[in-house]
């Protein structure tokens, strides 16, 4: 472990810096933006689902998949502000997306430099920063999309059953998040 840390010290430090910058851009004054209509709906559904366990599939009544709302419920127990709880989940999803962009780029291009550049672009991209600051399912949809992509490439290269199963789990998570995830399978 010590040899690994010594060998990759610069990469680890740059990765921590990129993730730190990304986290700062997403978390700083997180509730400053006014609440968006869909955010209010999703957070309210999560509150109702937390309070009444027989309504855990409430979003299906409106044709929405429930994974985002299920994932907000634990954060409602941690944070007193429901809007912050929902948006914090999106922040964490955005950070996981950046990590997925890094590992996917490293796998495809076999270059740490290109992987760091790709992760930096994802970390400071205004589009990603904006959506990772909103309590919307889109941020949570991007995360399993990137990981499905990565795990599918690993599966194709190695033909390992465990990687295929993980790719399937990631695809299943994206399908439980939002319907357009069907395009990821294609």
Protein backbone atom coordinates (compact mmCIF):
# COMPACT_ATOMS: atom_id res chain seq x y z
CA UNK A 1 0.00 0.00 0.00
CA UNK A 2 2.83 2.36 0.88
CA UNK A 3 4.50 1.69 -2.46
CA UNK A 4 1.23 2.38 -4.29
CA UNK A 5 0.80 5.68 -2.43
CA UNK A 6 4.39 6.73 -3.14
CA UNK A 7 4.07 5.85 -6.81
CA UNK A 8 0.73 7.67 -7.30
CA UNK A 9 1.14 10.54 -4.83
CA UNK A 10 0.85 13.26 -7.49
CA UNK A 11 -2.20 11.64 -9.11
CA UNK A 12 -3.93 11.24 -5.75
CA UNK A 13 -3.25 14.84 -4.77
CA UNK A 14 -4.50 16.17 -8.13
CA UNK A 15 -7.58 13.95 -7.85
CA UNK A 16 -8.33 15.24 -4.37
CA UNK A 17 -7.86 18.81 -5.62
CA UNK A 18 -10.23 18.27 -8.56
CA UNK A 19 -12.86 16.65 -6.35
CA UNK A 20 -12.42 19.41 -3.76
CA UNK A 21 -12.96 22.12 -6.38
CA UNK A 22 -15.95 20.23 -7.78
CA UNK A 23 -17.45 19.80 -4.32
CA UNK A 24 -16.92 23.49 -3.53
CA UNK A 25 -18.58 24.63 -6.78
CA UNK A 26 -21.57 22.43 -6.07
CA UNK A 27 -22.01 22.91 -2.32
CA UNK A 28 -21.27 26.65 -1.93
CA UNK A 29 -24.53 28.41 -1.06
CA UNK A 30 -26.45 25.38 -2.23
CA UNK A 31 -29.89 26.75 -1.35
CA UNK A 32 -29.28 30.18 -2.92
CA UNK A 33 -31.13 29.31 -6.12
CA UNK A 34 -34.91 29.48 -5.80
CA UNK A 35 -36.67 26.15 -5.65
CA UNK A 36 -37.67 24.74 -9.01
CA UNK A 37 -41.16 23.21 -9.41
CA UNK A 38 -39.91 19.67 -10.03
CA UNK A 39 -37.53 19.95 -7.07
CA UNK A 40 -40.47 20.77 -4.81
CA UNK A 41 -42.41 17.79 -6.11
CA UNK A 42 -39.53 15.32 -5.70
CA UNK A 43 -38.59 16.52 -2.22
CA UNK A 44 -42.22 16.50 -1.09
CA UNK A 45 -42.67 12.96 -2.40
CA UNK A 46 -39.58 11.91 -0.44
CA UNK A 47 -41.01 13.51 2.71
CA UNK A 48 -44.34 11.72 2.24
CA UNK A 49 -42.59 8.42 1.51
CA UNK A 50 -40.49 8.84 4.65
CA UNK A 51 -43.55 9.54 6.80
CA UNK A 52 -45.83 6.86 5.36
CA UNK A 53 -44.12 3.63 4.38
CA UNK A 54 -47.13 2.35 2.45
CA UNK A 55 -46.52 5.14 -0.07
CA UNK A 56 -42.95 4.15 -1.04
CA UNK A 57 -44.05 3.91 -4.69
CA UNK A 58 -45.90 7.24 -4.75
CA UNK A 59 -43.93 8.62 -7.75
CA UNK A 60 -45.28 5.79 -9.93
CA UNK A 61 -48.72 7.43 -9.69
CA UNK A 62 -47.27 10.25 -11.82
CA UNK A 63 -45.26 7.98 -14.11
CA UNK A 64 -41.91 8.71 -12.41
CA UNK A 65 -39.38 6.19 -11.20
CA UNK A 66 -38.77 6.29 -7.42
CA UNK A 67 -35.00 5.75 -6.94
CA UNK A 68 -34.17 9.44 -6.53
CA UNK A 69 -36.89 9.93 -3.92
CA UNK A 70 -35.87 6.74 -2.11
CA UNK A 71 -32.30 8.06 -2.01
CA UNK A 72 -33.40 11.43 -0.59
CA UNK A 73 -35.09 9.81 2.42
CA UNK A 74 -31.87 9.09 4.40
CA UNK A 75 -30.68 12.66 3.80
CA UNK A 76 -33.98 13.98 5.19
CA UNK A 77 -33.03 12.24 8.43
CA UNK A 78 -29.60 13.95 8.47
CA UNK A 79 -30.46 17.50 7.35
CA UNK A 80 -33.28 19.66 8.68
CA UNK A 81 -33.72 21.58 5.42
CA UNK A 82 -35.48 19.26 2.94
CA UNK A 83 -34.30 21.28 -0.07
CA UNK A 84 -30.69 21.02 1.09
CA UNK A 85 -31.13 17.27 1.60
CA UNK A 86 -32.37 16.76 -1.97
CA UNK A 87 -29.73 18.99 -3.47
CA UNK A 88 -26.97 17.36 -1.41
CA UNK A 89 -27.87 14.01 -2.97
CA UNK A 90 -27.39 15.60 -6.39
CA UNK A 91 -24.03 17.00 -5.28
CA UNK A 92 -22.87 13.52 -4.26
CA UNK A 93 -24.16 12.09 -7.54
CA UNK A 94 -22.18 14.73 -9.41
CA UNK A 95 -19.00 13.85 -7.53
CA UNK A 96 -19.50 10.16 -8.35
CA UNK A 97 -20.02 11.14 -11.99
CA UNK A 98 -16.68 12.97 -12.02
CA UNK A 99 -14.95 9.89 -10.61
CA UNK A 100 -16.65 7.81 -13.30
CA UNK A 101 -15.49 10.22 -16.01
CA UNK A 102 -11.93 9.92 -14.68
CA UNK A 103 -11.83 6.12 -14.64
CA UNK A 104 -13.60 5.87 -18.02
CA UNK A 105 -11.15 8.28 -19.62
CA UNK A 106 -8.20 6.45 -18.08
CA UNK A 107 -9.52 3.14 -19.39
CA UNK A 108 -10.21 4.44 -22.90
CA UNK A 109 -7.14 6.60 -23.47
CA UNK A 110 -4.68 4.88 -21.11
CA UNK A 111 -3.39 8.28 -20.01
CA UNK A 112 -3.56 9.79 -16.55
CA UNK A 113 -3.14 13.26 -18.03
CA UNK A 114 -6.17 12.92 -20.31
CA UNK A 115 -8.18 11.39 -17.45
CA UNK A 116 -7.29 14.34 -15.19
CA UNK A 117 -8.24 16.81 -17.93
CA UNK A 118 -11.57 15.04 -18.49
CA UNK A 119 -12.31 15.03 -14.75
CA UNK A 120 -11.39 18.72 -14.53
CA UNK A 121 -13.70 19.61 -17.42
CA UNK A 122 -16.51 17.65 -15.75
CA UNK A 123 -15.78 19.32 -12.41
CA UNK A 124 -15.99 22.88 -13.74
CA UNK A 125 -18.50 22.44 -16.57
CA UNK A 126 -21.26 25.02 -15.96
CA UNK A 127 -23.91 22.59 -17.23
CA UNK A 128 -22.89 19.87 -14.80
CA UNK A 129 -22.40 22.32 -11.92
CA UNK A 130 -25.89 23.75 -12.45
CA UNK A 131 -27.67 20.40 -12.57
CA UNK A 132 -25.60 18.97 -9.71
CA UNK A 133 -26.89 21.84 -7.55
CA UNK A 134 -30.57 21.04 -8.19
CA UNK A 135 -32.66 18.36 -6.49
CA UNK A 136 -33.54 16.81 -9.85
CA UNK A 137 -33.19 13.26 -11.08
CA UNK A 138 -30.93 14.32 -13.96
CA UNK A 139 -27.78 14.39 -11.85
CA UNK A 140 -28.58 10.99 -10.45
CA UNK A 141 -29.26 9.73 -13.99
CA UNK A 142 -25.84 10.83 -15.24
CA UNK A 143 -24.00 8.93 -12.53
CA UNK A 144 -25.16 5.39 -13.38
CA UNK A 145 -24.91 6.25 -17.09
CA UNK A 146 -21.19 6.92 -16.77
CA UNK A 147 -20.65 3.86 -14.59
CA UNK A 148 -22.69 1.66 -16.96
CA UNK A 149 -20.45 2.86 -19.78
CA UNK A 150 -17.28 2.13 -17.81
CA UNK A 151 -18.39 -1.28 -16.56
CA UNK A 152 -19.61 -2.29 -20.03
CA UNK A 153 -16.21 -1.51 -21.51
CA UNK A 154 -14.49 -3.49 -18.76
CA UNK A 155 -16.90 -6.37 -19.40
CA UNK A 156 -16.21 -6.30 -23.15
CA UNK A 157 -12.44 -6.27 -22.58
CA UNK A 158 -12.24 -8.89 -19.85
CA UNK A 159 -15.38 -11.00 -20.37
CA UNK A 160 -15.79 -11.20 -16.59
CA UNK A 161 -19.21 -12.14 -15.27
CA UNK A 162 -18.87 -10.00 -12.14
CA UNK A 163 -18.25 -6.87 -14.23
CA UNK A 164 -21.22 -7.73 -16.42
CA UNK A 165 -23.40 -8.02 -13.33
CA UNK A 166 -22.16 -4.67 -11.99
CA UNK A 167 -22.87 -3.08 -15.38
CA UNK A 168 -26.36 -4.53 -15.20
CA UNK A 169 -26.84 -3.16 -11.70
CA UNK A 170 -25.74 0.28 -12.85
CA UNK A 171 -28.10 0.10 -15.82
CA UNK A 172 -30.90 -1.05 -13.51
CA UNK A 173 -30.23 1.88 -11.18
CA UNK A 174 -30.45 4.26 -14.10
CA UNK A 175 -33.73 2.67 -15.23
CA UNK A 176 -35.08 3.13 -11.69
CA UNK A 177 -34.06 6.78 -11.88
CA UNK A 178 -35.59 7.99 -15.15
CA UNK A 179 -37.09 6.49 -18.32
CA UNK A 180 -34.55 7.88 -20.85
CA UNK A 181 -32.03 5.47 -19.31
CA UNK A 182 -33.44 3.01 -21.83
CA UNK A 183 -31.09 4.65 -24.35
CA UNK A 184 -28.10 3.53 -22.28
CA UNK A 185 -28.95 -0.09 -23.01
CA UNK A 186 -29.00 0.66 -26.72
